[in-house]
Amino acid sequence: MDNSSGASSGVGVLDKAALVLSALESGPATLAGLVTATGLARPTAHRLAVALEHHRMVARDMQGRFILGPRLSELAAAAGEDRLLATAGPVLTHLRDVTGESAQLYRRQGDMRICVAAAERLSGLRDTVPVGSTLPMKAGSAAQVLMAWEEPERLHRGLQGARFTATALSGVRRRGWAQSIGEREPGVASVSAPVRGPSNRVVAAVSVSGPIERLTRHPGRMHAQAVLDAAVRLTEALRRNG
């Protein structure tokens, strides 16, 4: 986005719009501030800022100053999602092969979590979670991981009606992984760990799941390290490309 080097793309209006966005990267700016930072004529700076505001790439703060708009965050999130999914396939396949269990990747979506990638155990069993499945945030080790590092107010709200407690989530934060035994579905156990984005925020949960008969009532003892290793690989991929 930085166009301060003076290099031109050959499309003048885009170069000028990039100048406006780059100027706002350092914080809110009045129209006069934009003119000073970009070197653009006042009418041009105003016309571009208002046009970018129409497309939600620029917004206004409480004082009426121009700031970067919400559309940029949405595009950045989409780019992060693409990078995550591009990396997820081989990481989940390796996790499945190491543990012998189905592996999944979950993202939070409001009050639900969605399975965005999976590597299924070759002999399909009832614990299989198809890609695209939407599951509640009230039960399961992946829900615990996606909830554990939330801001206090959202955490408190999310615990209402949940099958796990604040004490359990404190343990998840301390260990760095979660386990569940028959919490979401009777007879199924799982282990999950957090995937973090470039800002260190938890953006996904990587999991393995299977019948309690195989994973036992202490699934973390068997698979926590493998799940943590997978989470680290996905986190590193996001940070490398972030």
C-alpha atoms as a PDB file:
ATOM      1  CA  MET A   1       0.000   0.000   0.000  1.00  0.00           C
ATOM      2  CA  ASP A   2       2.954   2.316   0.618  1.00  0.00           C
ATOM      3  CA  ASN A   3       3.361   4.618  -2.395  1.00  0.00           C
ATOM      4  CA  SER A   4       5.800   7.030  -0.729  1.00  0.00           C
ATOM      5  CA  SER A   5       8.709   5.888  -2.906  1.00  0.00           C
ATOM      6  CA  GLY A   6       7.247   7.949  -5.750  1.00  0.00           C
ATOM      7  CA  ALA A   7       7.040   4.947  -8.066  1.00  0.00           C
ATOM      8  CA  SER A   8       4.051   5.239 -10.370  1.00  0.00           C
ATOM      9  CA  SER A   9       1.841   2.346 -11.437  1.00  0.00           C
ATOM     10  CA  GLY A  10       0.800   4.289 -14.515  1.00  0.00           C
ATOM     11  CA  VAL A  11      -2.767   4.610 -13.190  1.00  0.00           C
ATOM     12  CA  GLY A  12      -2.752   8.070 -11.680  1.00  0.00           C
ATOM     13  CA  VAL A  13      -6.012   7.925  -9.729  1.00  0.00           C
ATOM     14  CA  LEU A  14      -4.969   4.674  -8.008  1.00  0.00           C
ATOM     15  CA  ASP A  15      -1.554   6.081  -7.145  1.00  0.00           C
ATOM     16  CA  LYS A  16      -3.244   9.089  -5.524  1.00  0.00           C
ATOM     17  CA  ALA A  17      -5.741   6.898  -3.652  1.00  0.00           C
ATOM     18  CA  ALA A  18      -2.805   4.803  -2.388  1.00  0.00           C
ATOM     19  CA  LEU A  19      -1.160   8.021  -1.155  1.00  0.00           C
ATOM     20  CA  VAL A  20      -4.300   8.870   0.839  1.00  0.00           C
ATOM     21  CA  LEU A  21      -4.483   5.410   2.417  1.00  0.00           C
ATOM     22  CA  SER A  22      -0.764   5.422   3.222  1.00  0.00           C
ATOM     23  CA  ALA A  23      -1.119   8.835   4.876  1.00  0.00           C
ATOM     24  CA  LEU A  24      -3.904   7.458   7.096  1.00  0.00           C
ATOM     25  CA  GLU A  25      -1.775   4.486   8.138  1.00  0.00           C
ATOM     26  CA  SER A  26      -0.109   6.675  10.776  1.00  0.00           C
ATOM     27  CA  GLY A  27      -3.442   7.777  12.272  1.00  0.00           C
ATOM     28  CA  PRO A  28      -6.444  10.102  11.837  1.00  0.00           C
ATOM     29  CA  ALA A  29      -6.016  13.145   9.576  1.00  0.00           C
ATOM     30  CA  THR A  30      -8.000  16.262   8.765  1.00  0.00           C
ATOM     31  CA  LEU A  31      -8.332  17.291   5.124  1.00  0.00           C
ATOM     32  CA  ALA A  32      -5.524  19.804   5.674  1.00  0.00           C
ATOM     33  CA  GLY A  33      -3.414  16.991   7.159  1.00  0.00           C
ATOM     34  CA  LEU A  34      -4.067  14.805   4.121  1.00  0.00           C
ATOM     35  CA  VAL A  35      -3.047  17.618   1.777  1.00  0.00           C
ATOM     36  CA  THR A  36       0.213  18.094   3.684  1.00  0.00           C
ATOM     37  CA  ALA A  37       0.976  14.362   3.892  1.00  0.00           C
ATOM     38  CA  THR A  38       0.176  13.515   0.265  1.00  0.00           C
ATOM     39  CA  GLY A  39       1.127  16.678  -1.598  1.00  0.00           C
ATOM     40  CA  LEU A  40      -2.190  16.456  -3.437  1.00  0.00           C
ATOM     41  CA  ALA A  41      -4.272  19.516  -4.260  1.00  0.00           C
ATOM     42  CA  ARG A  42      -6.976  20.115  -1.662  1.00  0.00           C
ATOM     43  CA  PRO A  43      -9.941  19.400  -4.029  1.00  0.00           C
ATOM     44  CA  THR A  44      -8.249  16.176  -5.231  1.00  0.00           C
ATOM     45  CA  ALA A  45      -7.487  14.970  -1.694  1.00  0.00           C
ATOM     46  CA  HIS A  46     -11.081  15.688  -0.646  1.00  0.00           C
ATOM     47  CA  ARG A  47     -12.610  13.978  -3.702  1.00  0.00           C
ATOM     48  CA  LEU A  48     -10.480  10.842  -3.232  1.00  0.00           C
ATOM     49  CA  ALA A  49     -11.061  10.626   0.536  1.00  0.00           C
ATOM     50  CA  VAL A  50     -14.839  10.916   0.066  1.00  0.00           C
ATOM     51  CA  ALA A  51     -14.802   8.333  -2.760  1.00  0.00           C
ATOM     52  CA  LEU A  52     -12.769   5.934  -0.577  1.00  0.00           C
ATOM     53  CA  GLU A  53     -15.255   6.576   2.235  1.00  0.00           C
ATOM     54  CA  HIS A  54     -18.075   5.512  -0.126  1.00  0.00           C
ATOM     55  CA  HIS A  55     -16.268   2.186  -0.582  1.00  0.00           C
ATOM     56  CA  ARG A  56     -15.674   1.882   3.214  1.00  0.00           C
ATOM     57  CA  MET A  57     -11.887   2.003   2.741  1.00  0.00           C
ATOM     58  CA  VAL A  58     -11.898   5.328   4.602  1.00  0.00           C
ATOM     59  CA  ALA A  59     -14.170   6.343   7.486  1.00  0.00           C
ATOM     60  CA  ARG A  60     -14.495   9.307   9.897  1.00  0.00           C
ATOM     61  CA  ASP A  61     -13.791   9.423  13.621  1.00  0.00           C
ATOM     62  CA  MET A  62     -15.855  11.284  16.231  1.00  0.00           C
ATOM     63  CA  GLN A  63     -14.029  14.523  15.386  1.00  0.00           C
ATOM     64  CA  GLY A  64     -14.783  14.148  11.677  1.00  0.00           C
ATOM     65  CA  ARG A  65     -11.176  13.282  10.794  1.00  0.00           C
ATOM     66  CA  PHE A  66     -10.437  10.723   8.104  1.00  0.00           C
ATOM     67  CA  ILE A  67      -9.328   7.256   9.298  1.00  0.00           C
ATOM     68  CA  LEU A  68      -8.765   3.866   7.650  1.00  0.00           C
ATOM     69  CA  GLY A  69     -12.117   2.181   7.031  1.00  0.00           C
ATOM     70  CA  PRO A  70     -13.574  -1.203   7.992  1.00  0.00           C
ATOM     71  CA  ARG A  71     -13.358  -2.634   4.472  1.00  0.00           C
ATOM     72  CA  LEU A  72      -9.556  -2.849   4.826  1.00  0.00           C
ATOM     73  CA  SER A  73      -9.898  -5.047   7.926  1.00  0.00           C
ATOM     74  CA  GLU A  74     -12.364  -7.280   6.068  1.00  0.00           C
ATOM     75  CA  LEU A  75      -9.973  -7.683   3.134  1.00  0.00           C
ATOM     76  CA  ALA A  76      -7.068  -8.401   5.504  1.00  0.00           C
ATOM     77  CA  ALA A  77      -9.144 -11.048   7.299  1.00  0.00           C
ATOM     78  CA  ALA A  78     -10.043 -12.666   3.960  1.00  0.00           C
ATOM     79  CA  ALA A  79      -6.376 -12.724   2.960  1.00  0.00           C
ATOM     80  CA  GLY A  80      -5.516 -14.347   6.296  1.00  0.00           C
ATOM     81  CA  GLU A  81      -8.268 -16.941   5.770  1.00  0.00           C
ATOM     82  CA  ASP A  82      -6.820 -17.806   2.340  1.00  0.00           C
ATOM     83  CA  ARG A  83      -3.326 -18.234   3.796  1.00  0.00           C
ATOM     84  CA  LEU A  84      -4.677 -20.350   6.633  1.00  0.00           C
ATOM     85  CA  LEU A  85      -6.601 -22.654   4.289  1.00  0.00           C
ATOM     86  CA  ALA A  86      -3.669 -22.931   1.878  1.00  0.00           C
ATOM     87  CA  THR A  87      -1.459 -24.165   4.721  1.00  0.00           C
ATOM     88  CA  ALA A  88      -4.088 -26.241   6.517  1.00  0.00           C
ATOM     89  CA  GLY A  89      -4.266 -29.188   4.097  1.00  0.00           C
ATOM     90  CA  PRO A  90      -0.780 -30.651   4.564  1.00  0.00           C
ATOM     91  CA  VAL A  91      -0.675 -29.775   8.295  1.00  0.00           C
ATOM     92  CA  LEU A  92      -3.994 -31.542   8.999  1.00  0.00           C
ATOM     93  CA  THR A  93      -2.998 -34.529   6.869  1.00  0.00           C
ATOM     94  CA  HIS A  94       0.226 -34.864   8.846  1.00  0.00           C
ATOM     95  CA  LEU A  95      -1.683 -34.525  12.144  1.00  0.00           C
ATOM     96  CA  ARG A  96      -4.113 -37.239  11.065  1.00  0.00           C
ATOM     97  CA  ASP A  97      -1.267 -39.537  10.047  1.00  0.00           C
ATOM     98  CA  VAL A  98       0.659 -38.985  13.293  1.00  0.00           C
ATOM     99  CA  THR A  99      -2.365 -39.488  15.580  1.00  0.00           C
ATOM    100  CA  GLY A 100      -4.413 -41.914  13.471  1.00  0.00           C
ATOM    101  CA  GLU A 101      -7.484 -39.739  14.147  1.00  0.00           C
ATOM    102  CA  SER A 102      -9.573 -37.257  12.147  1.00  0.00           C
ATOM    103  CA  ALA A 103      -8.142 -33.716  12.228  1.00  0.00           C
ATOM    104  CA  GLN A 104     -10.116 -30.482  11.848  1.00  0.00           C
ATOM    105  CA  LEU A 105      -9.612 -26.732  11.716  1.00  0.00           C
ATOM    106  CA  TYR A 106     -12.327 -24.471  13.176  1.00  0.00           C
ATOM    107  CA  ARG A 107     -12.948 -20.723  12.900  1.00  0.00           C
ATOM    108  CA  ARG A 108     -15.356 -18.816  15.100  1.00  0.00           C
ATOM    109  CA  GLN A 109     -18.369 -17.264  13.380  1.00  0.00           C
ATOM    110  CA  GLY A 110     -20.497 -15.304  15.838  1.00  0.00           C
ATOM    111  CA  ASP A 111     -21.939 -17.716  18.399  1.00  0.00           C
ATOM    112  CA  MET A 112     -20.992 -20.747  16.312  1.00  0.00           C
ATOM    113  CA  ARG A 113     -17.821 -22.379  15.032  1.00  0.00           C
ATOM    114  CA  ILE A 114     -17.387 -23.671  11.530  1.00  0.00           C
ATOM    115  CA  CYS A 115     -15.156 -26.500  10.297  1.00  0.00           C
ATOM    116  CA  VAL A 116     -13.142 -24.831   7.511  1.00  0.00           C
ATOM    117  CA  ALA A 117     -10.746 -27.721   6.761  1.00  0.00           C
ATOM    118  CA  ALA A 118     -10.422 -31.393   7.698  1.00  0.00           C
ATOM    119  CA  ALA A 119      -8.373 -34.532   7.116  1.00  0.00           C
ATOM    120  CA  GLU A 120     -10.587 -37.534   7.694  1.00  0.00           C
ATOM    121  CA  ARG A 121      -9.523 -40.870   9.071  1.00  0.00           C
ATOM    122  CA  LEU A 122      -9.454 -43.278   6.168  1.00  0.00           C
ATOM    123  CA  SER A 123     -12.093 -45.504   7.758  1.00  0.00           C
ATOM    124  CA  GLY A 124     -14.939 -43.040   8.270  1.00  0.00           C
ATOM    125  CA  LEU A 125     -16.592 -43.227  11.692  1.00  0.00           C
ATOM    126  CA  ARG A 126     -19.314 -41.307  13.464  1.00  0.00           C
ATOM    127  CA  ASP A 127     -16.854 -38.723  14.815  1.00  0.00           C
ATOM    128  CA  THR A 128     -16.248 -37.375  11.296  1.00  0.00           C
ATOM    129  CA  VAL A 129     -16.939 -33.621  10.997  1.00  0.00           C
ATOM    130  CA  PRO A 130     -17.459 -32.572   7.345  1.00  0.00           C
ATOM    131  CA  VAL A 131     -16.006 -29.276   6.071  1.00  0.00           C
ATOM    132  CA  GLY A 132     -18.682 -26.595   6.339  1.00  0.00           C
ATOM    133  CA  SER A 133     -20.254 -28.098   9.467  1.00  0.00           C
ATOM    134  CA  THR A 134     -21.468 -25.485  11.939  1.00  0.00           C
ATOM    135  CA  LEU A 135     -21.174 -26.455  15.600  1.00  0.00           C
ATOM    136  CA  PRO A 136     -22.048 -24.614  18.827  1.00  0.00           C
ATOM    137  CA  MET A 137     -19.561 -22.593  20.868  1.00  0.00           C
ATOM    138  CA  LYS A 138     -21.010 -24.129  24.047  1.00  0.00           C
ATOM    139  CA  ALA A 139     -19.242 -27.515  24.002  1.00  0.00           C
ATOM    140  CA  GLY A 140     -16.140 -29.279  22.714  1.00  0.00           C
ATOM    141  CA  SER A 141     -12.400 -28.668  22.992  1.00  0.00           C
ATOM    142  CA  ALA A 142     -12.291 -26.409  19.896  1.00  0.00           C
ATOM    143  CA  ALA A 143     -15.006 -24.188  21.408  1.00  0.00           C
ATOM    144  CA  GLN A 144     -12.955 -23.996  24.626  1.00  0.00           C
ATOM    145  CA  VAL A 145      -9.859 -22.889  22.680  1.00  0.00           C
ATOM    146  CA  LEU A 146     -11.768 -20.306  20.607  1.00  0.00           C
ATOM    147  CA  MET A 147     -13.334 -18.931  23.798  1.00  0.00           C
ATOM    148  CA  ALA A 148     -10.440 -19.083  26.292  1.00  0.00           C
ATOM    149  CA  TRP A 149      -8.511 -16.016  25.090  1.00  0.00           C
ATOM    150  CA  GLU A 150     -11.551 -13.808  24.447  1.00  0.00           C
ATOM    151  CA  GLU A 151     -11.962 -10.411  26.121  1.00  0.00           C
ATOM    152  CA  PRO A 152     -13.531 -10.748  29.609  1.00  0.00           C
ATOM    153  CA  GLU A 153     -16.983  -9.420  28.647  1.00  0.00           C
ATOM    154  CA  ARG A 154     -17.308 -11.699  25.606  1.00  0.00           C
ATOM    155  CA  LEU A 155     -15.906 -14.584  27.646  1.00  0.00           C
ATOM    156  CA  HIS A 156     -18.485 -14.086  30.396  1.00  0.00           C
ATOM    157  CA  ARG A 157     -21.304 -13.909  27.843  1.00  0.00           C
ATOM    158  CA  GLY A 158     -20.038 -17.006  26.031  1.00  0.00           C
ATOM    159  CA  LEU A 159     -19.963 -19.085  29.232  1.00  0.00           C
ATOM    160  CA  GLN A 160     -23.728 -18.729  29.715  1.00  0.00           C
ATOM    161  CA  GLY A 161     -25.189 -22.148  28.988  1.00  0.00           C
ATOM    162  CA  ALA A 162     -21.775 -23.639  28.141  1.00  0.00           C
ATOM    163  CA  ARG A 163     -20.772 -27.189  29.084  1.00  0.00           C
ATOM    164  CA  PHE A 164     -17.418 -25.857  30.374  1.00  0.00           C
ATOM    165  CA  THR A 165     -16.583 -23.352  33.119  1.00  0.00           C
ATOM    166  CA  ALA A 166     -14.374 -20.293  33.583  1.00  0.00           C
ATOM    167  CA  THR A 167     -12.061 -22.489  35.686  1.00  0.00           C
ATOM    168  CA  ALA A 168     -11.742 -24.957  32.801  1.00  0.00           C
ATOM    169  CA  LEU A 169     -10.844 -22.118  30.409  1.00  0.00           C
ATOM    170  CA  SER A 170      -8.245 -20.858  32.875  1.00  0.00           C
ATOM    171  CA  GLY A 171      -6.675 -24.324  32.672  1.00  0.00           C
ATOM    172  CA  VAL A 172      -6.765 -24.146  28.859  1.00  0.00           C
ATOM    173  CA  ARG A 173      -4.873 -20.845  28.911  1.00  0.00           C
ATOM    174  CA  ARG A 174      -2.330 -22.262  31.348  1.00  0.00           C
ATOM    175  CA  ARG A 175      -1.686 -25.498  29.384  1.00  0.00           C
ATOM    176  CA  GLY A 176      -2.107 -24.007  25.920  1.00  0.00           C
ATOM    177  CA  TRP A 177      -4.536 -26.741  24.793  1.00  0.00           C
ATOM    178  CA  ALA A 178      -7.997 -28.137  25.598  1.00  0.00           C
ATOM    179  CA  GLN A 179      -9.595 -31.560  25.761  1.00  0.00           C
ATOM    180  CA  SER A 180     -13.187 -32.725  25.926  1.00  0.00           C
ATOM    181  CA  ILE A 181     -14.682 -36.129  26.721  1.00  0.00           C
ATOM    182  CA  GLY A 182     -18.260 -36.627  25.554  1.00  0.00           C
ATOM    183  CA  GLU A 183     -18.885 -32.895  25.938  1.00  0.00           C
ATOM    184  CA  ARG A 184     -20.315 -32.139  22.479  1.00  0.00           C
ATOM    185  CA  GLU A 185     -21.336 -35.661  21.487  1.00  0.00           C
ATOM    186  CA  PRO A 186     -21.581 -38.799  23.678  1.00  0.00           C
ATOM    187  CA  GLY A 187     -18.711 -41.234  23.150  1.00  0.00           C
ATOM    188  CA  VAL A 188     -16.489 -38.737  21.310  1.00  0.00           C
ATOM    189  CA  ALA A 189     -13.308 -37.149  22.698  1.00  0.00           C
ATOM    190  CA  SER A 190     -11.148 -34.402  21.225  1.00  0.00           C
ATOM    191  CA  VAL A 191      -8.015 -32.315  21.774  1.00  0.00           C
ATOM    192  CA  SER A 192      -7.555 -28.759  20.405  1.00  0.00           C
ATOM    193  CA  ALA A 193      -4.926 -26.007  20.382  1.00  0.00           C
ATOM    194  CA  PRO A 194      -5.008 -22.345  19.275  1.00  0.00           C
ATOM    195  CA  VAL A 195      -3.758 -20.993  15.948  1.00  0.00           C
ATOM    196  CA  ARG A 196      -2.648 -17.366  16.261  1.00  0.00           C
ATOM    197  CA  GLY A 197      -2.498 -14.632  13.654  1.00  0.00           C
ATOM    198  CA  PRO A 198       0.288 -12.063  13.185  1.00  0.00           C
ATOM    199  CA  SER A 199      -1.112  -9.929  16.056  1.00  0.00           C
ATOM    200  CA  ASN A 200      -1.019 -13.000  18.379  1.00  0.00           C
ATOM    201  CA  ARG A 201      -4.829 -13.144  18.445  1.00  0.00           C
ATOM    202  CA  VAL A 202      -6.405 -16.615  18.358  1.00  0.00           C
ATOM    203  CA  VAL A 203      -7.892 -16.963  14.863  1.00  0.00           C
ATOM    204  CA  ALA A 204      -8.622 -20.707  14.722  1.00  0.00           C
ATOM    205  CA  ALA A 205      -8.508 -23.989  16.619  1.00  0.00           C
ATOM    206  CA  VAL A 206      -6.847 -27.137  15.296  1.00  0.00           C
ATOM    207  CA  SER A 207      -8.267 -30.416  16.622  1.00  0.00           C
ATOM    208  CA  VAL A 208      -8.207 -34.178  16.550  1.00  0.00           C
ATOM    209  CA  SER A 209     -11.309 -36.151  17.465  1.00  0.00           C
ATOM    210  CA  GLY A 210     -12.304 -39.775  17.784  1.00  0.00           C
ATOM    211  CA  PRO A 211     -14.131 -42.330  19.927  1.00  0.00           C
ATOM    212  CA  ILE A 212     -13.349 -42.340  23.651  1.00  0.00           C
ATOM    213  CA  GLU A 213     -12.431 -46.045  23.282  1.00  0.00           C
ATOM    214  CA  ARG A 214      -9.378 -44.986  21.250  1.00  0.00           C
ATOM    215  CA  LEU A 215      -8.615 -41.553  22.692  1.00  0.00           C
ATOM    216  CA  THR A 216      -9.343 -42.700  26.283  1.00  0.00           C
ATOM    217  CA  ARG A 217     -10.673 -40.392  28.998  1.00  0.00           C
ATOM    218  CA  HIS A 218      -7.359 -38.487  28.948  1.00  0.00           C
ATOM    219  CA  PRO A 219      -7.011 -37.656  25.228  1.00  0.00           C
ATOM    220  CA  GLY A 220      -4.573 -34.818  25.938  1.00  0.00           C
ATOM    221  CA  ARG A 221      -1.965 -37.261  27.262  1.00  0.00           C
ATOM    222  CA  MET A 222      -2.028 -39.068  23.928  1.00  0.00           C
ATOM    223  CA  HIS A 223      -2.347 -36.242  21.417  1.00  0.00           C
ATOM    224  CA  ALA A 224      -1.763 -32.783  22.957  1.00  0.00           C
ATOM    225  CA  GLN A 225       1.828 -32.554  21.716  1.00  0.00           C
ATOM    226  CA  ALA A 226       0.916 -33.478  18.129  1.00  0.00           C
ATOM    227  CA  VAL A 227      -1.967 -30.976  18.126  1.00  0.00           C
ATOM    228  CA  LEU A 228       0.279 -28.256  19.605  1.00  0.00           C
ATOM    229  CA  ASP A 229       2.899 -28.947  16.916  1.00  0.00           C
ATOM    230  CA  ALA A 230       0.239 -28.559  14.207  1.00  0.00           C
ATOM    231  CA  ALA A 231      -0.971 -25.294  15.776  1.00  0.00           C
ATOM    232  CA  VAL A 232       2.592 -23.946  15.818  1.00  0.00           C
ATOM    233  CA  ARG A 233       3.069 -24.828  12.132  1.00  0.00           C
ATOM    234  CA  LEU A 234      -0.138 -23.017  11.163  1.00  0.00           C
ATOM    235  CA  THR A 235       0.707 -20.012  13.356  1.00  0.00           C
ATOM    236  CA  GLU A 236       4.191 -19.750  11.843  1.00  0.00           C
ATOM    237  CA  ALA A 237       2.729 -19.910   8.322  1.00  0.00           C
ATOM    238  CA  LEU A 238       0.355 -17.027   9.091  1.00  0.00           C
ATOM    239  CA  ARG A 239       3.120 -14.919  10.636  1.00  0.00           C
ATOM    240  CA  ARG A 240       5.535 -15.659   7.790  1.00  0.00           C
ATOM    241  CA  ASN A 241       2.986 -14.424   5.270  1.00  0.00           C
ATOM    242  CA  GLY A 242       1.366 -11.792   7.464  1.00  0.00           C
END
